[in-house]
Amino acid sequence: MDIIAQIDRWADVYPDKVAHKSGGQTLTYRQLLRQSNQLAEYIARALPEDNSPVVLLGHKQNEMVVGFIACAKAGHPYIPLESYFPQQRVQAVVETAQAKLILTVEKIREILVSTPVDVAFAPRERKPADPWYIIFTSGSTGAPKGVIIPRSNLENFLNWTLPEHEIEEAQSVILGQAPFTFDVSILDVYCSLYQAGTLVSVTNDEIANLKSLFETLRNSEATLWVSTPSFARLCLMDAAFSEKMLPRLRRFWLAGEALAPEICTELLRRFPQAALWNAYGPTEATVATSSVEITPAIIEKYNPLPIGYPMPGTQLLIHDSEGRPAPSGERGEIIICGPNVSPGYIHRPDLTERAFFKLNGQNAYHTGDWGRSKDGLIFYEGRIDFQIKLHGYRIELGDIEANLHALPNVQDAVVTPVMKEERADYLAAFVILKQKTASSDFEIMQAMKKELATRIPDYMIPRRFIFLTEFPMTSNGKADRRKLLENL
């Protein structure tokens, strides 16, 4: 599978077909070919003797998609980061990845204007083990960690996903909600571009304004919907979200967090012509590693819903606390083993050794997720540690706590999710101050949120702050998180 050659080919077959559309701007396959060649030429000149990663800083602009393909052509893995991320967060990623080149959307535009449009760039050969992209996730120590995904992993994922979801040449319009920093977007981008489809990327501004969002949906002509369950739940709040709004929609692909049965029931009621799929997989396993179609019969039989069957060639194993296979029906840790598992975290051999290992000659990964098998299906039952999924984002609570501890007037801090209907609804921070000030709790909270905004992304900032003089403790001397929630 030559991903780049396939995408470039569409410039001859469907030159004027829209490859990507977002925020009112479009990018055709002819433009994608020309602009990715221009940018690849620039990257190759800027980094002539190594294959160090390139940081791409933006949101859902066409230039980000151009950057993905250009990096692949130039032989460099890319690291997508949101332009609204705090500078401190961006710098931490750059330092960890040892990236030598940062390309903002504005810089890419400058390069395209100043470079001849007829550049005929010959893509560098990419070996199967060469990194294709690196997604940074939240780290428990306050420092983000970068998951390396090689070319072979991406190809393996596409070989599974394209036929399973019947993504045919030039037929699909994929509606993508996930930001490019969230690996669910990999399905959006590559399943669409590989098959000459059109990717419609929903922006943060549109999500913040339902009227604008629904206008985008109406005009999208989407055939495949890719999002987190939280985003689907948001859209379902309006009765107008139905088959009438998206008459061509034939499939939902939901991933990134636990899927509630009531969401499925309502989606199937409003979109009777669409199939609904639930998928599971951490970033370390290349987007997803299992999936299952959620039918009315499945909803009636199982609660919680299953996360599906493993992709071909991959094993989803349930291990007990001793690392041995757990009997069917018993709970244990979900272990992923197969060709979709990452080789590890960039420049973090300590974290790699802790989470990854070899099993039967293949890469394997400790997910830290509770699960069990039943009827040949796998069921997810929450996190073993303090990592959570909030609105599709994977967050280490220790990351937020570490950044809270770094604030000048914080003596101690605990962050915990507040649950609603068995899912994380928002984050609450319990804080002990070094010194009480004359300011009100509300004023202190606002000041802390402002300080945190310079250190971590908005989606990691707790909604509520509760100020205490001491924390309740468990018998082993740790903060009792369950009792803390009684203060809400």
Protein backbone atom coordinates (compact mmCIF):
# COMPACT_ATOMS: atom_id res chain seq x y z
CA MET A 1 0.00 0.00 0.00
CA ASP A 2 1.54 3.29 -1.13
CA ILE A 3 -0.59 5.88 0.65
CA ILE A 4 1.07 8.93 -0.90
CA ALA A 5 1.04 7.60 -4.46
CA GLN A 6 -2.64 6.78 -4.10
CA ILE A 7 -3.54 10.25 -2.82
CA ASP A 8 -1.43 11.96 -5.50
CA ARG A 9 -3.13 9.86 -8.20
CA TRP A 10 -6.48 11.52 -7.53
CA ALA A 11 -5.07 14.83 -8.82
CA ASP A 12 -5.17 13.26 -12.30
CA VAL A 13 -8.39 11.28 -11.90
CA TYR A 14 -10.46 13.84 -9.93
CA PRO A 15 -8.49 17.11 -10.11
CA ASP A 16 -11.33 19.43 -9.15
CA LYS A 17 -12.96 17.19 -6.55
CA VAL A 18 -12.91 18.70 -3.05
CA ALA A 19 -10.52 16.77 -0.80
CA HIS A 20 -11.01 18.85 2.34
CA LYS A 21 -13.52 21.48 3.41
CA SER A 22 -13.48 23.44 6.65
CA GLY A 23 -14.51 26.89 7.83
CA GLY A 24 -15.85 27.84 4.41
CA GLN A 25 -12.56 27.01 2.66
CA THR A 26 -12.01 24.12 0.23
CA LEU A 27 -8.99 22.21 -1.03
CA THR A 28 -9.16 20.18 -4.25
CA TYR A 29 -7.06 17.13 -5.05
CA ARG A 30 -5.11 19.14 -7.66
CA GLN A 31 -4.34 21.78 -5.03
CA LEU A 32 -3.41 19.14 -2.48
CA LEU A 33 -0.88 17.60 -4.87
CA ARG A 34 0.70 20.92 -5.82
CA GLN A 35 0.77 22.42 -2.36
CA SER A 36 2.05 19.28 -0.64
CA ASN A 37 4.88 19.13 -3.21
CA GLN A 38 5.72 22.79 -2.55
CA LEU A 39 5.80 22.29 1.19
CA ALA A 40 7.67 18.97 0.98
CA GLU A 41 10.37 20.73 -1.03
CA TYR A 42 10.69 23.35 1.70
CA ILE A 43 10.84 20.74 4.49
CA ALA A 44 13.46 18.69 2.62
CA ARG A 45 15.65 21.79 2.24
CA ALA A 46 15.15 22.85 5.86
CA LEU A 47 15.95 19.38 7.24
CA PRO A 48 18.23 17.79 4.65
CA GLU A 49 20.09 15.20 6.69
CA ASP A 50 17.73 13.78 9.28
CA ASN A 51 14.18 12.53 9.77
CA SER A 52 13.31 14.59 12.84
CA PRO A 53 9.62 15.32 13.45
CA VAL A 54 7.91 18.47 12.20
CA VAL A 55 5.44 20.29 14.43
CA LEU A 56 2.32 21.51 12.60
CA LEU A 57 0.52 24.22 14.56
CA GLY A 58 -3.04 25.04 13.55
CA HIS A 59 -6.63 23.84 13.80
CA LYS A 60 -8.79 22.48 10.97
CA GLN A 61 -7.36 24.60 8.15
CA ASN A 62 -6.56 23.13 4.73
CA GLU A 63 -2.91 23.93 5.37
CA MET A 64 -2.82 21.33 8.15
CA VAL A 65 -3.91 18.59 5.73
CA VAL A 66 -1.35 19.81 3.21
CA GLY A 67 1.23 19.64 5.99
CA PHE A 68 0.40 16.01 6.82
CA ILE A 69 0.98 14.88 3.24
CA ALA A 70 4.03 17.12 2.75
CA CYS A 71 5.76 15.71 5.83
CA ALA A 72 5.15 12.17 4.62
CA LYS A 73 6.58 13.04 1.21
CA ALA A 74 9.65 14.66 2.75
CA GLY A 75 10.26 11.66 5.00
CA HIS A 76 9.45 13.30 8.33
CA PRO A 77 6.82 12.33 10.92
CA TYR A 78 4.48 15.16 11.85
CA ILE A 79 3.17 16.26 15.22
CA PRO A 80 -0.20 18.07 15.05
CA LEU A 81 -0.80 20.70 17.74
CA GLU A 82 -3.70 23.10 18.19
CA SER A 83 -2.91 26.77 17.67
CA TYR A 84 -4.79 27.63 20.88
CA PHE A 85 -2.50 25.45 23.02
CA PRO A 86 -0.50 27.46 25.60
CA GLN A 87 3.03 28.28 24.52
CA GLN A 88 4.42 26.35 27.48
CA ARG A 89 2.62 23.21 26.31
CA VAL A 90 3.87 23.63 22.75
CA GLN A 91 7.41 24.14 23.98
CA ALA A 92 7.23 21.01 26.13
CA VAL A 93 6.23 18.97 23.07
CA VAL A 94 8.96 20.52 20.92
CA GLU A 95 11.61 19.75 23.54
CA THR A 96 10.43 16.20 24.20
CA ALA A 97 10.25 15.37 20.48
CA GLN A 98 13.48 17.23 19.71
CA ALA A 99 11.68 18.85 16.81
CA LYS A 100 13.75 21.24 14.71
CA LEU A 101 10.98 22.70 12.58
CA ILE A 102 7.66 24.27 13.59
CA LEU A 103 5.22 25.20 10.83
CA THR A 104 2.23 27.36 11.67
CA VAL A 105 -0.66 27.73 9.24
CA GLU A 106 0.52 31.28 8.53
CA LYS A 107 4.07 30.07 7.78
CA ILE A 108 2.76 27.38 5.43
CA ARG A 109 0.79 30.04 3.55
CA GLU A 110 3.94 32.14 3.18
CA ILE A 111 5.85 29.15 1.83
CA LEU A 112 3.14 28.34 -0.70
CA VAL A 113 3.05 31.92 -1.97
CA SER A 114 6.83 32.10 -2.37
CA THR A 115 7.35 28.66 -3.96
CA PRO A 116 6.67 27.77 -7.62
CA VAL A 117 3.37 25.88 -7.97
CA ASP A 118 4.79 23.34 -10.44
CA VAL A 119 7.31 21.74 -8.08
CA ALA A 120 7.65 18.06 -9.00
CA PHE A 121 8.80 16.61 -5.71
CA ALA A 122 9.78 12.95 -5.64
CA PRO A 123 8.58 11.51 -2.30
CA ARG A 124 11.26 9.93 -0.16
CA GLU A 125 10.98 6.19 0.38
CA ARG A 126 9.26 5.34 3.66
CA LYS A 127 10.17 2.01 5.23
CA PRO A 128 7.44 0.14 7.15
CA ALA A 129 9.02 0.97 10.53
CA ASP A 130 9.50 4.69 9.74
CA PRO A 131 7.33 6.96 11.93
CA TRP A 132 4.44 8.52 10.02
CA TYR A 133 2.93 10.68 12.75
CA ILE A 134 3.34 11.31 16.49
CA ILE A 135 0.35 12.13 18.68
CA PHE A 136 1.06 13.66 22.08
CA THR A 137 -1.19 12.63 24.94
CA SER A 138 -1.47 13.80 28.52
CA GLY A 139 1.27 12.53 30.84
CA SER A 140 0.88 11.69 34.52
CA THR A 141 3.90 13.77 35.57
CA GLY A 142 2.72 17.01 33.97
CA ALA A 143 4.78 16.40 30.82
CA PRO A 144 3.06 15.23 27.60
CA LYS A 145 4.24 12.02 25.92
CA GLY A 146 4.41 11.36 22.18
CA VAL A 147 3.06 8.12 20.72
CA ILE A 148 4.99 7.02 17.62
CA ILE A 149 2.91 5.49 14.82
CA PRO A 150 4.93 3.95 11.95
CA ARG A 151 3.88 3.65 8.35
CA SER A 152 3.09 -0.07 8.73
CA ASN A 153 0.65 0.63 11.57
CA LEU A 154 -1.25 3.20 9.52
CA GLU A 155 -1.41 0.86 6.53
CA ASN A 156 -2.66 -1.97 8.74
CA PHE A 157 -5.39 0.29 10.12
CA LEU A 158 -6.52 1.37 6.64
CA ASN A 159 -6.54 -2.21 5.36
CA TRP A 160 -9.00 -3.04 8.14
CA THR A 161 -11.14 0.09 8.20
CA LEU A 162 -11.71 0.82 4.51
CA PRO A 163 -13.52 -2.45 3.69
CA GLU A 164 -15.27 -2.76 7.06
CA HIS A 165 -16.93 0.61 6.60
CA GLU A 166 -17.44 0.25 2.86
CA ILE A 167 -15.50 3.39 1.97
CA GLU A 168 -15.52 3.24 -1.82
CA GLU A 169 -13.64 5.31 -4.37
CA ALA A 170 -14.98 8.86 -4.74
CA GLN A 171 -18.23 7.99 -2.96
CA SER A 172 -17.74 9.04 0.65
CA VAL A 173 -18.12 12.35 2.43
CA ILE A 174 -16.70 11.99 5.93
CA LEU A 175 -17.86 14.34 8.67
CA GLY A 176 -14.98 14.72 11.13
CA GLN A 177 -15.42 16.32 14.56
CA ALA A 178 -12.18 15.32 16.31
CA PRO A 179 -9.34 17.87 16.36
CA PHE A 180 -6.21 16.78 14.50
CA THR A 181 -4.45 16.39 17.86
CA PHE A 182 -6.88 13.56 18.68
CA ASP A 183 -6.04 10.37 16.80
CA VAL A 184 -9.66 9.63 15.86
CA SER A 185 -9.02 12.25 13.17
CA ILE A 186 -6.59 9.84 11.49
CA LEU A 187 -9.60 7.85 10.29
CA ASP A 188 -11.17 11.04 8.93
CA VAL A 189 -8.10 12.16 7.03
CA TYR A 190 -6.69 8.98 5.55
CA CYS A 191 -9.84 6.97 4.90
CA SER A 192 -11.15 9.96 3.02
CA LEU A 193 -8.04 10.93 1.07
CA TYR A 194 -7.03 7.35 0.22
CA GLN A 195 -10.37 6.72 -1.47
CA ALA A 196 -10.80 10.13 -3.16
CA GLY A 197 -13.50 11.15 -0.71
CA THR A 198 -14.29 14.56 0.74
CA LEU A 199 -13.46 15.32 4.37
CA VAL A 200 -15.64 17.96 6.05
CA SER A 201 -13.90 19.10 9.23
CA VAL A 202 -16.05 20.75 11.89
CA THR A 203 -14.28 23.63 13.65
CA ASN A 204 -14.33 24.56 17.33
CA ASP A 205 -16.15 27.78 16.51
CA GLU A 206 -18.92 25.82 14.80
CA ILE A 207 -19.23 23.40 17.70
CA ALA A 208 -19.60 26.37 20.07
CA ASN A 209 -22.54 27.66 18.02
CA LEU A 210 -25.25 25.08 17.32
CA LYS A 211 -26.85 27.23 14.62
CA SER A 212 -23.55 27.44 12.76
CA LEU A 213 -22.83 23.75 13.39
CA PHE A 214 -26.16 22.57 12.02
CA GLU A 215 -25.76 24.76 8.95
CA THR A 216 -22.43 23.04 8.29
CA LEU A 217 -24.04 19.64 8.77
CA ARG A 218 -26.90 20.46 6.38
CA ASN A 219 -24.46 21.54 3.68
CA SER A 220 -22.00 18.69 4.20
CA GLU A 221 -23.80 15.89 2.32
CA ALA A 222 -22.02 13.57 4.76
CA THR A 223 -22.24 9.81 4.26
CA LEU A 224 -20.02 8.77 7.21
CA TRP A 225 -20.07 10.43 10.63
CA VAL A 226 -16.93 10.14 12.80
CA SER A 227 -17.02 11.57 16.33
CA THR A 228 -16.96 10.96 20.05
CA PRO A 229 -20.20 9.93 21.76
CA SER A 230 -20.17 13.29 23.58
CA PHE A 231 -20.40 15.18 20.29
CA ALA A 232 -23.27 12.98 19.12
CA ARG A 233 -25.00 13.60 22.45
CA LEU A 234 -24.59 17.36 21.96
CA CYS A 235 -26.21 17.22 18.53
CA LEU A 236 -29.07 15.08 19.81
CA MET A 237 -30.08 17.88 22.18
CA ASP A 238 -31.76 19.55 19.18
CA ALA A 239 -34.74 17.80 17.62
CA ALA A 240 -33.65 19.10 14.21
CA PHE A 241 -30.70 16.71 14.24
CA SER A 242 -32.17 13.89 12.20
CA GLU A 243 -32.19 12.17 8.84
CA LYS A 244 -33.85 15.22 7.31
CA MET A 245 -30.72 17.24 8.13
CA LEU A 246 -28.32 14.56 6.83
CA PRO A 247 -30.27 12.54 4.24
CA ARG A 248 -27.17 10.84 2.76
CA LEU A 249 -25.76 9.66 6.09
CA ARG A 250 -25.35 5.89 6.14
CA ARG A 251 -22.98 5.21 9.03
CA PHE A 252 -21.95 6.49 12.45
CA TRP A 253 -18.48 5.59 13.74
CA LEU A 254 -18.18 6.53 17.41
CA ALA A 255 -15.03 6.19 19.49
CA GLY A 256 -12.92 7.89 22.13
CA GLU A 257 -15.04 7.19 25.22
CA ALA A 258 -17.71 4.87 26.57
CA LEU A 259 -20.86 4.74 24.45
CA ALA A 260 -24.16 4.91 26.33
CA PRO A 261 -27.10 2.76 25.13
CA GLU A 262 -29.51 5.73 25.14
CA ILE A 263 -27.34 7.57 22.59
CA CYS A 264 -27.47 4.55 20.30
CA THR A 265 -31.22 4.14 20.66
CA GLU A 266 -31.88 7.76 19.77
CA LEU A 267 -29.44 7.85 16.85
CA LEU A 268 -30.98 4.73 15.33
CA ARG A 269 -34.45 6.20 15.80
CA ARG A 270 -33.59 9.48 14.11
CA PHE A 271 -31.40 7.94 11.38
CA PRO A 272 -33.18 4.69 10.42
CA GLN A 273 -31.08 4.32 7.25
CA ALA A 274 -27.73 4.54 9.08
CA ALA A 275 -25.68 1.79 10.73
CA LEU A 276 -24.05 2.55 14.08
CA TRP A 277 -20.58 1.31 15.04
CA ASN A 278 -18.78 1.44 18.36
CA ALA A 279 -14.96 1.34 18.27
CA TYR A 280 -12.26 1.09 20.91
CA GLY A 281 -8.53 1.68 21.01
CA PRO A 282 -5.98 3.94 22.67
CA THR A 283 -3.63 6.20 20.70
CA GLU A 284 -0.91 3.60 21.33
CA ALA A 285 -2.83 1.12 19.16
CA THR A 286 -3.31 3.31 16.06
CA VAL A 287 -6.77 4.86 16.42
CA ALA A 288 -8.83 1.74 17.07
CA THR A 289 -8.29 -1.95 17.60
CA SER A 290 -11.83 -3.32 17.89
CA SER A 291 -15.30 -2.46 16.66
CA VAL A 292 -18.83 -3.77 16.49
CA GLU A 293 -22.09 -2.70 14.91
CA ILE A 294 -24.57 -1.64 17.59
CA THR A 295 -28.00 -2.96 16.65
CA PRO A 296 -31.27 -2.87 18.61
CA ALA A 297 -30.62 -6.49 19.57
CA ILE A 298 -27.18 -5.61 20.97
CA ILE A 299 -28.66 -2.70 22.93
CA GLU A 300 -31.34 -4.94 24.40
CA LYS A 301 -28.89 -7.70 25.34
CA TYR A 302 -25.91 -5.79 26.76
CA ASN A 303 -25.39 -2.93 29.20
CA PRO A 304 -22.67 -1.69 29.14
CA LEU A 305 -22.32 -2.06 25.40
CA PRO A 306 -19.46 -4.12 23.97
CA ILE A 307 -16.44 -2.46 22.38
CA GLY A 308 -16.37 -5.16 19.76
CA TYR A 309 -14.24 -7.78 18.10
CA PRO A 310 -10.49 -7.33 17.55
CA MET A 311 -9.27 -6.30 14.12
CA PRO A 312 -7.74 -9.14 12.05
CA GLY A 313 -4.24 -10.07 13.19
CA THR A 314 -4.63 -8.35 16.56
CA GLN A 315 -5.43 -9.83 19.97
CA LEU A 316 -7.40 -8.20 22.75
CA LEU A 317 -6.48 -10.12 25.87
CA ILE A 318 -7.77 -9.89 29.42
CA HIS A 319 -5.01 -10.40 32.01
CA ASP A 320 -5.38 -10.76 35.75
CA SER A 321 -3.22 -8.94 38.32
CA GLU A 322 -0.48 -11.56 37.88
CA GLY A 323 -0.33 -11.02 34.13
CA ARG A 324 -2.04 -14.31 33.33
CA PRO A 325 -5.01 -14.74 30.98
CA ALA A 326 -8.24 -14.24 32.92
CA PRO A 327 -11.05 -16.78 32.48
CA SER A 328 -13.93 -15.74 30.23
CA GLY A 329 -16.31 -13.45 32.05
CA GLU A 330 -13.79 -12.34 34.69
CA ARG A 331 -12.47 -8.80 34.88
CA GLY A 332 -8.86 -7.92 34.17
CA GLU A 333 -6.63 -5.50 32.29
CA ILE A 334 -7.10 -5.18 28.54
CA ILE A 335 -3.86 -6.02 26.73
CA ILE A 336 -3.49 -5.23 23.02
CA CYS A 337 -1.08 -7.31 20.98
CA GLY A 338 -0.52 -7.04 17.25
CA PRO A 339 0.78 -5.05 14.29
CA ASN A 340 -1.26 -1.98 15.21
CA VAL A 341 0.59 -1.43 18.52
CA SER A 342 3.04 1.48 18.65
CA PRO A 343 6.75 0.84 19.25
CA GLY A 344 6.58 3.35 22.12
CA TYR A 345 6.94 6.98 23.16
CA ILE A 346 9.39 9.27 21.42
CA HIS A 347 12.58 9.81 23.44
CA ARG A 348 11.00 8.29 26.57
CA PRO A 349 12.48 4.80 26.97
CA ASP A 350 11.43 4.79 30.64
CA LEU A 351 7.75 5.22 29.82
CA THR A 352 8.00 2.87 26.85
CA GLU A 353 9.45 0.09 29.00
CA ARG A 354 6.68 0.55 31.55
CA ALA A 355 3.77 0.33 29.08
CA PHE A 356 5.00 -1.78 26.14
CA PHE A 357 6.35 -5.30 25.91
CA LYS A 358 6.74 -8.21 23.52
CA LEU A 359 4.21 -11.03 23.40
CA ASN A 360 4.56 -13.91 20.95
CA GLY A 361 7.03 -11.83 18.96
CA GLN A 362 4.65 -8.88 18.52
CA ASN A 363 4.35 -5.49 20.15
CA ALA A 364 1.97 -5.48 23.10
CA TYR A 365 0.58 -2.68 25.24
CA HIS A 366 -0.78 -2.39 28.78
CA THR A 367 -3.89 -0.25 28.25
CA GLY A 368 -4.60 0.38 31.93
CA ASP A 369 -8.26 -0.34 31.12
CA TRP A 370 -10.48 -2.79 32.97
CA GLY A 371 -12.31 -5.18 30.70
CA ARG A 372 -13.79 -8.65 30.33
CA SER A 373 -14.73 -10.99 27.51
CA LYS A 374 -18.17 -12.47 26.99
CA ASP A 375 -19.77 -14.19 24.01
CA GLY A 376 -16.59 -13.53 22.04
CA LEU A 377 -16.95 -9.77 22.59
CA ILE A 378 -14.82 -7.44 24.69
CA PHE A 379 -16.35 -5.06 27.23
CA TYR A 380 -14.66 -1.97 28.64
CA GLU A 381 -15.20 -1.30 32.35
CA GLY A 382 -13.23 1.87 33.13
CA ARG A 383 -9.71 2.92 33.99
CA ILE A 384 -7.42 1.10 36.40
CA ASP A 385 -5.49 4.28 37.19
CA PHE A 386 -6.51 7.93 37.24
CA GLN A 387 -6.61 8.42 33.49
CA ILE A 388 -10.01 9.41 32.14
CA LYS A 389 -11.78 10.24 28.92
CA LEU A 390 -13.56 13.60 28.95
CA HIS A 391 -15.51 14.61 25.83
CA GLY A 392 -13.26 12.34 23.80
CA TYR A 393 -9.97 13.65 25.21
CA ARG A 394 -7.72 11.31 27.13
CA ILE A 395 -6.54 13.11 30.25
CA GLU A 396 -4.17 12.12 33.04
CA LEU A 397 -5.51 13.68 36.23
CA GLY A 398 -1.93 13.72 37.51
CA ASP A 399 -1.01 16.03 34.64
CA ILE A 400 -3.51 18.65 35.80
CA GLU A 401 -2.56 18.17 39.43
CA ALA A 402 1.13 18.66 38.62
CA ASN A 403 0.34 21.94 36.88
CA LEU A 404 -1.85 23.05 39.79
CA HIS A 405 0.97 22.29 42.23
CA ALA A 406 3.21 24.56 40.18
CA LEU A 407 1.00 27.59 40.89
CA PRO A 408 2.54 29.86 43.56
CA ASN A 409 -0.24 29.74 46.18
CA VAL A 410 -1.17 26.05 45.91
CA GLN A 411 -0.11 23.80 48.78
CA ASP A 412 -1.94 20.69 47.61
CA ALA A 413 -4.43 19.80 44.89
CA VAL A 414 -6.55 16.85 43.80
CA VAL A 415 -8.49 16.70 40.54
CA THR A 416 -11.32 14.26 40.03
CA PRO A 417 -14.02 13.71 37.42
CA VAL A 418 -17.65 14.34 38.30
CA MET A 419 -19.69 11.52 36.82
CA LYS A 420 -23.10 11.69 35.19
CA GLU A 421 -24.83 8.62 33.81
CA GLU A 422 -21.60 6.61 34.20
CA ARG A 423 -19.47 9.03 32.18
CA ALA A 424 -17.19 11.90 33.07
CA ASP A 425 -19.26 15.10 32.87
CA TYR A 426 -16.66 17.63 34.07
CA LEU A 427 -13.58 18.02 36.25
CA ALA A 428 -13.48 19.38 39.80
CA ALA A 429 -10.31 20.61 41.53
CA PHE A 430 -9.96 20.45 45.31
CA VAL A 431 -7.29 22.87 46.46
CA ILE A 432 -5.50 23.71 49.70
CA LEU A 433 -3.99 27.19 49.55
CA LYS A 434 -0.67 28.09 51.10
CA GLN A 435 -2.13 31.38 52.25
CA LYS A 436 -5.72 32.61 52.35
CA THR A 437 -6.18 35.93 50.58
CA ALA A 438 -8.82 38.65 50.82
CA SER A 439 -10.21 37.57 47.47
CA SER A 440 -13.40 35.52 47.25
CA ASP A 441 -13.30 31.86 46.24
CA PHE A 442 -14.74 32.84 42.88
CA GLU A 443 -11.98 35.40 42.28
CA ILE A 444 -9.30 32.91 43.30
CA MET A 445 -10.82 30.29 40.97
CA GLN A 446 -10.87 32.71 38.04
CA ALA A 447 -7.25 33.67 38.67
CA MET A 448 -6.19 30.02 38.82
CA LYS A 449 -8.04 29.19 35.61
CA LYS A 450 -6.25 32.08 33.92
CA GLU A 451 -2.88 30.81 35.16
CA LEU A 452 -3.65 27.23 34.12
CA ALA A 453 -4.61 28.44 30.64
CA THR A 454 -0.95 29.37 30.09
CA ARG A 455 0.14 25.84 30.96
CA ILE A 456 -2.46 23.32 29.72
CA PRO A 457 -5.20 23.17 27.04
CA ASP A 458 -8.67 24.48 27.86
CA TYR A 459 -10.23 21.01 27.89
CA MET A 460 -8.01 20.06 30.85
CA ILE A 461 -8.95 23.01 33.05
CA PRO A 462 -11.37 21.99 35.84
CA ARG A 463 -14.82 23.56 35.72
CA ARG A 464 -15.18 23.83 39.50
CA PHE A 465 -12.67 24.69 42.23
CA ILE A 466 -13.36 23.84 45.88
CA PHE A 467 -11.02 25.35 48.47
CA LEU A 468 -10.42 23.33 51.64
CA THR A 469 -8.11 23.52 54.64
CA GLU A 470 -7.40 19.77 54.61
CA PHE A 471 -8.21 16.65 52.61
CA PRO A 472 -9.94 13.56 53.98
CA MET A 473 -7.54 10.62 53.92
CA THR A 474 -7.83 6.91 53.21
CA SER A 475 -6.32 4.34 55.55
CA ASN A 476 -3.10 4.26 53.51
CA GLY A 477 -2.59 8.01 53.79
CA LYS A 478 -3.81 9.14 50.39
CA ALA A 479 -6.43 11.77 49.65
CA ASP A 480 -9.86 10.15 49.72
CA ARG A 481 -11.25 11.20 46.34
CA ARG A 482 -14.66 9.69 47.01
CA LYS A 483 -15.12 11.75 50.17
CA LEU A 484 -13.86 14.86 48.43
CA LEU A 485 -16.77 14.64 46.02
CA GLU A 486 -19.13 15.03 48.98
CA ASN A 487 -18.05 18.69 49.07
CA LEU A 488 -19.74 19.37 45.72
